[in-house]
């Protein structure tokens, strides 16, 4: 039997996601703001946004430590209206997580369909909450009181 599978969300867990327009990367902030005003769309639908995300502190080290004990995949949801987000997320993973083997990015709108031991995710949406309802599976709520940061998660997973 191989290593247990751990899925790690990208936005808000591995990457700093801009919660507000004021937090968008300066290189695209003006054009993103203008686009949002013109279209009325959320900034997560702005093409190119996901390629500008900054890596979250401790994320690369966390992947290295997790890989020593688990089979690790990035499991993310991409905004349907933002077609470039699919490509941007793939490029982001390759650029920011060099320790992660190739072809370890999975995109799904229902994370509860995946089979694995753990899902590390910051939000209960897109099937994250339901992931923990299956036998032998557990959702680790990143950013919660119990798991406020990577160190707490790694301690819990004994990495």
C-alpha atoms as a PDB file:
ATOM      1  CA  UNK A   1       0.000   0.000   0.000  1.00  0.00           C
ATOM      2  CA  UNK A   2       1.340   3.461  -0.968  1.00  0.00           C
ATOM      3  CA  UNK A   3       1.384   6.693   0.913  1.00  0.00           C
ATOM      4  CA  UNK A   4      -1.860   8.336   1.967  1.00  0.00           C
ATOM      5  CA  UNK A   5      -3.040  11.141  -0.315  1.00  0.00           C
ATOM      6  CA  UNK A   6      -3.176  14.761   0.875  1.00  0.00           C
ATOM      7  CA  UNK A   7      -4.859  17.431  -1.220  1.00  0.00           C
ATOM      8  CA  UNK A   8      -3.844  21.047  -0.670  1.00  0.00           C
ATOM      9  CA  UNK A   9      -5.947  23.966  -1.866  1.00  0.00           C
ATOM     10  CA  UNK A  10      -4.149  26.724  -3.766  1.00  0.00           C
ATOM     11  CA  UNK A  11      -5.942  30.040  -3.152  1.00  0.00           C
ATOM     12  CA  UNK A  12      -5.666  31.104   0.479  1.00  0.00           C
ATOM     13  CA  UNK A  13      -3.598  28.074   1.497  1.00  0.00           C
ATOM     14  CA  UNK A  14      -0.564  27.952  -0.802  1.00  0.00           C
ATOM     15  CA  UNK A  15      -1.071  31.365  -2.399  1.00  0.00           C
ATOM     16  CA  UNK A  16      -2.127  34.701  -0.939  1.00  0.00           C
ATOM     17  CA  UNK A  17      -5.492  35.418  -2.557  1.00  0.00           C
ATOM     18  CA  UNK A  18      -6.496  39.103  -2.711  1.00  0.00           C
ATOM     19  CA  UNK A  19      -9.753  39.319  -0.796  1.00  0.00           C
ATOM     20  CA  UNK A  20     -10.340  42.904  -1.975  1.00  0.00           C
ATOM     21  CA  UNK A  21      -9.491  44.921  -5.067  1.00  0.00           C
ATOM     22  CA  UNK A  22      -7.068  46.943  -2.955  1.00  0.00           C
ATOM     23  CA  UNK A  23      -5.036  43.750  -2.371  1.00  0.00           C
ATOM     24  CA  UNK A  24      -4.584  42.890  -6.081  1.00  0.00           C
ATOM     25  CA  UNK A  25      -0.976  42.800  -7.302  1.00  0.00           C
ATOM     26  CA  UNK A  26       0.131  46.327  -8.273  1.00  0.00           C
ATOM     27  CA  UNK A  27       1.187  45.159 -11.745  1.00  0.00           C
ATOM     28  CA  UNK A  28      -2.475  44.566 -12.687  1.00  0.00           C
ATOM     29  CA  UNK A  29      -4.354  46.581 -10.059  1.00  0.00           C
ATOM     30  CA  UNK A  30      -5.409  49.503 -12.271  1.00  0.00           C
ATOM     31  CA  UNK A  31      -6.571  47.381 -15.201  1.00  0.00           C
ATOM     32  CA  UNK A  32      -8.328  44.925 -12.866  1.00  0.00           C
ATOM     33  CA  UNK A  33     -10.154  47.715 -11.047  1.00  0.00           C
ATOM     34  CA  UNK A  34     -11.234  49.314 -14.321  1.00  0.00           C
ATOM     35  CA  UNK A  35     -12.421  45.959 -15.690  1.00  0.00           C
ATOM     36  CA  UNK A  36     -14.416  45.231 -12.522  1.00  0.00           C
ATOM     37  CA  UNK A  37     -16.070  48.665 -12.673  1.00  0.00           C
ATOM     38  CA  UNK A  38     -16.947  48.242 -16.360  1.00  0.00           C
ATOM     39  CA  UNK A  39     -18.246  44.675 -16.149  1.00  0.00           C
ATOM     40  CA  UNK A  40     -19.555  44.455 -12.591  1.00  0.00           C
ATOM     41  CA  UNK A  41     -17.696  41.141 -12.229  1.00  0.00           C
ATOM     42  CA  UNK A  42     -15.681  39.982  -9.212  1.00  0.00           C
ATOM     43  CA  UNK A  43     -11.908  40.442  -9.433  1.00  0.00           C
ATOM     44  CA  UNK A  44     -11.423  36.655  -9.321  1.00  0.00           C
ATOM     45  CA  UNK A  45     -12.818  36.621 -12.874  1.00  0.00           C
ATOM     46  CA  UNK A  46     -10.121  39.000 -14.157  1.00  0.00           C
ATOM     47  CA  UNK A  47      -7.881  37.218 -16.667  1.00  0.00           C
ATOM     48  CA  UNK A  48      -4.303  36.958 -15.459  1.00  0.00           C
ATOM     49  CA  UNK A  49      -5.096  37.456 -11.760  1.00  0.00           C
ATOM     50  CA  UNK A  50      -3.993  33.985 -10.673  1.00  0.00           C
ATOM     51  CA  UNK A  51      -0.572  34.271 -12.295  1.00  0.00           C
ATOM     52  CA  UNK A  52       0.209  37.246 -10.012  1.00  0.00           C
ATOM     53  CA  UNK A  53      -0.545  35.608  -6.658  1.00  0.00           C
ATOM     54  CA  UNK A  54       2.245  35.584  -4.086  1.00  0.00           C
ATOM     55  CA  UNK A  55       3.205  32.356  -2.357  1.00  0.00           C
ATOM     56  CA  UNK A  56       2.008  32.112   1.236  1.00  0.00           C
ATOM     57  CA  UNK A  57       4.688  32.111   3.913  1.00  0.00           C
ATOM     58  CA  UNK A  58       5.780  28.564   4.732  1.00  0.00           C
ATOM     59  CA  UNK A  59       3.951  26.967   1.802  1.00  0.00           C
ATOM     60  CA  UNK A  60       6.933  25.601  -0.095  1.00  0.00           C
ATOM     61  CA  UNK A  61       8.489  24.185   3.070  1.00  0.00           C
ATOM     62  CA  UNK A  62       5.116  22.642   3.954  1.00  0.00           C
ATOM     63  CA  UNK A  63       4.970  20.850   0.606  1.00  0.00           C
ATOM     64  CA  UNK A  64       8.501  19.511   1.130  1.00  0.00           C
ATOM     65  CA  UNK A  65       7.617  18.226   4.593  1.00  0.00           C
ATOM     66  CA  UNK A  66       4.275  16.758   3.511  1.00  0.00           C
ATOM     67  CA  UNK A  67       5.944  14.900   0.618  1.00  0.00           C
ATOM     68  CA  UNK A  68       8.152  13.014   3.065  1.00  0.00           C
ATOM     69  CA  UNK A  69       5.088  11.250   4.462  1.00  0.00           C
ATOM     70  CA  UNK A  70       2.235  11.679   1.944  1.00  0.00           C
ATOM     71  CA  UNK A  71       1.407  11.696  -1.736  1.00  0.00           C
ATOM     72  CA  UNK A  72       0.627  15.387  -2.282  1.00  0.00           C
ATOM     73  CA  UNK A  73      -1.649  17.022  -4.868  1.00  0.00           C
ATOM     74  CA  UNK A  74      -2.780  20.612  -5.284  1.00  0.00           C
ATOM     75  CA  UNK A  75      -6.580  20.571  -5.513  1.00  0.00           C
ATOM     76  CA  UNK A  76      -8.149  23.839  -6.559  1.00  0.00           C
ATOM     77  CA  UNK A  77     -11.277  25.326  -8.048  1.00  0.00           C
ATOM     78  CA  UNK A  78     -10.976  27.756 -10.949  1.00  0.00           C
ATOM     79  CA  UNK A  79     -13.547  30.465 -11.616  1.00  0.00           C
ATOM     80  CA  UNK A  80     -15.619  29.304 -14.578  1.00  0.00           C
ATOM     81  CA  UNK A  81     -15.815  32.780 -16.103  1.00  0.00           C
ATOM     82  CA  UNK A  82     -12.039  33.257 -15.918  1.00  0.00           C
ATOM     83  CA  UNK A  83     -10.754  30.875 -18.558  1.00  0.00           C
ATOM     84  CA  UNK A  84      -7.133  31.962 -18.062  1.00  0.00           C
ATOM     85  CA  UNK A  85      -7.314  30.905 -14.406  1.00  0.00           C
ATOM     86  CA  UNK A  86      -6.924  27.264 -15.403  1.00  0.00           C
ATOM     87  CA  UNK A  87      -3.656  27.971 -17.199  1.00  0.00           C
ATOM     88  CA  UNK A  88      -2.534  30.579 -14.659  1.00  0.00           C
ATOM     89  CA  UNK A  89      -2.904  28.105 -11.804  1.00  0.00           C
ATOM     90  CA  UNK A  90      -0.868  25.480 -13.620  1.00  0.00           C
ATOM     91  CA  UNK A  91       1.900  27.984 -14.342  1.00  0.00           C
ATOM     92  CA  UNK A  92       1.759  29.247 -10.745  1.00  0.00           C
ATOM     93  CA  UNK A  93       2.262  25.752  -9.323  1.00  0.00           C
ATOM     94  CA  UNK A  94       5.215  25.031 -11.592  1.00  0.00           C
ATOM     95  CA  UNK A  95       6.837  28.398 -10.813  1.00  0.00           C
ATOM     96  CA  UNK A  96       6.207  28.545  -7.051  1.00  0.00           C
ATOM     97  CA  UNK A  97       6.329  24.897  -5.968  1.00  0.00           C
ATOM     98  CA  UNK A  98       9.416  23.452  -7.656  1.00  0.00           C
ATOM     99  CA  UNK A  99       9.522  20.593  -5.135  1.00  0.00           C
ATOM    100  CA  UNK A 100       6.132  19.290  -6.250  1.00  0.00           C
ATOM    101  CA  UNK A 101       6.348  16.644  -9.002  1.00  0.00           C
ATOM    102  CA  UNK A 102       4.776  17.461 -12.354  1.00  0.00           C
ATOM    103  CA  UNK A 103       1.122  16.716 -13.020  1.00  0.00           C
ATOM    104  CA  UNK A 104       0.041  17.163  -9.401  1.00  0.00           C
ATOM    105  CA  UNK A 105      -2.510  19.924 -10.013  1.00  0.00           C
ATOM    106  CA  UNK A 106      -6.166  18.898 -10.021  1.00  0.00           C
ATOM    107  CA  UNK A 107      -9.021  21.307 -10.744  1.00  0.00           C
ATOM    108  CA  UNK A 108     -12.512  20.403  -9.568  1.00  0.00           C
ATOM    109  CA  UNK A 109     -15.726  22.128  -8.599  1.00  0.00           C
ATOM    110  CA  UNK A 110     -16.581  19.315  -6.206  1.00  0.00           C
ATOM    111  CA  UNK A 111     -13.630  18.377  -4.020  1.00  0.00           C
ATOM    112  CA  UNK A 112     -15.691  15.761  -2.180  1.00  0.00           C
ATOM    113  CA  UNK A 113     -15.467  13.535  -5.270  1.00  0.00           C
ATOM    114  CA  UNK A 114     -11.764  12.987  -4.624  1.00  0.00           C
ATOM    115  CA  UNK A 115     -10.403  10.008  -2.738  1.00  0.00           C
ATOM    116  CA  UNK A 116      -7.697  10.736  -0.232  1.00  0.00           C
ATOM    117  CA  UNK A 117      -6.945  10.974   3.460  1.00  0.00           C
ATOM    118  CA  UNK A 118      -6.814  14.744   3.970  1.00  0.00           C
ATOM    119  CA  UNK A 119      -7.915  17.953   2.290  1.00  0.00           C
ATOM    120  CA  UNK A 120      -6.224  21.131   3.524  1.00  0.00           C
ATOM    121  CA  UNK A 121      -8.526  23.982   2.510  1.00  0.00           C
ATOM    122  CA  UNK A 122      -9.398  27.407   3.883  1.00  0.00           C
ATOM    123  CA  UNK A 123     -13.077  27.425   2.896  1.00  0.00           C
ATOM    124  CA  UNK A 124     -15.916  24.909   3.273  1.00  0.00           C
ATOM    125  CA  UNK A 125     -17.100  25.555  -0.299  1.00  0.00           C
ATOM    126  CA  UNK A 126     -16.810  23.449  -3.463  1.00  0.00           C
ATOM    127  CA  UNK A 127     -17.106  20.168  -1.599  1.00  0.00           C
ATOM    128  CA  UNK A 128     -14.431  20.797   1.048  1.00  0.00           C
ATOM    129  CA  UNK A 129     -16.860  20.476   3.945  1.00  0.00           C
ATOM    130  CA  UNK A 130     -18.400  17.317   2.463  1.00  0.00           C
ATOM    131  CA  UNK A 131     -14.924  15.806   1.887  1.00  0.00           C
ATOM    132  CA  UNK A 132     -14.712  15.225   5.627  1.00  0.00           C
ATOM    133  CA  UNK A 133     -18.067  13.387   5.641  1.00  0.00           C
ATOM    134  CA  UNK A 134     -16.630  10.300   3.915  1.00  0.00           C
ATOM    135  CA  UNK A 135     -15.146   7.422   5.933  1.00  0.00           C
ATOM    136  CA  UNK A 136     -11.429   7.839   6.470  1.00  0.00           C
ATOM    137  CA  UNK A 137     -11.320  11.342   5.015  1.00  0.00           C
ATOM    138  CA  UNK A 138     -10.740  14.581   6.885  1.00  0.00           C
ATOM    139  CA  UNK A 139     -11.021  18.244   5.968  1.00  0.00           C
ATOM    140  CA  UNK A 140      -8.346  20.327   7.693  1.00  0.00           C
ATOM    141  CA  UNK A 141      -9.722  23.861   7.889  1.00  0.00           C
ATOM    142  CA  UNK A 142      -6.657  25.988   7.172  1.00  0.00           C
ATOM    143  CA  UNK A 143      -6.821  29.413   8.844  1.00  0.00           C
ATOM    144  CA  UNK A 144      -9.250  28.236  11.534  1.00  0.00           C
ATOM    145  CA  UNK A 145      -8.565  28.508  15.276  1.00  0.00           C
ATOM    146  CA  UNK A 146      -7.383  24.897  15.297  1.00  0.00           C
ATOM    147  CA  UNK A 147      -5.215  25.228  12.166  1.00  0.00           C
ATOM    148  CA  UNK A 148      -4.252  28.915  11.916  1.00  0.00           C
ATOM    149  CA  UNK A 149      -1.051  28.356   9.922  1.00  0.00           C
ATOM    150  CA  UNK A 150       1.172  25.794   8.265  1.00  0.00           C
ATOM    151  CA  UNK A 151       3.012  24.930  11.469  1.00  0.00           C
ATOM    152  CA  UNK A 152      -0.224  23.857  13.179  1.00  0.00           C
ATOM    153  CA  UNK A 153      -1.197  21.731  10.168  1.00  0.00           C
ATOM    154  CA  UNK A 154       2.212  20.081   9.923  1.00  0.00           C
ATOM    155  CA  UNK A 155       2.250  19.342  13.658  1.00  0.00           C
ATOM    156  CA  UNK A 156      -1.185  17.730  13.400  1.00  0.00           C
ATOM    157  CA  UNK A 157      -0.070  15.586  10.444  1.00  0.00           C
ATOM    158  CA  UNK A 158       3.181  14.757  12.269  1.00  0.00           C
ATOM    159  CA  UNK A 159       5.419  16.120   9.523  1.00  0.00           C
END
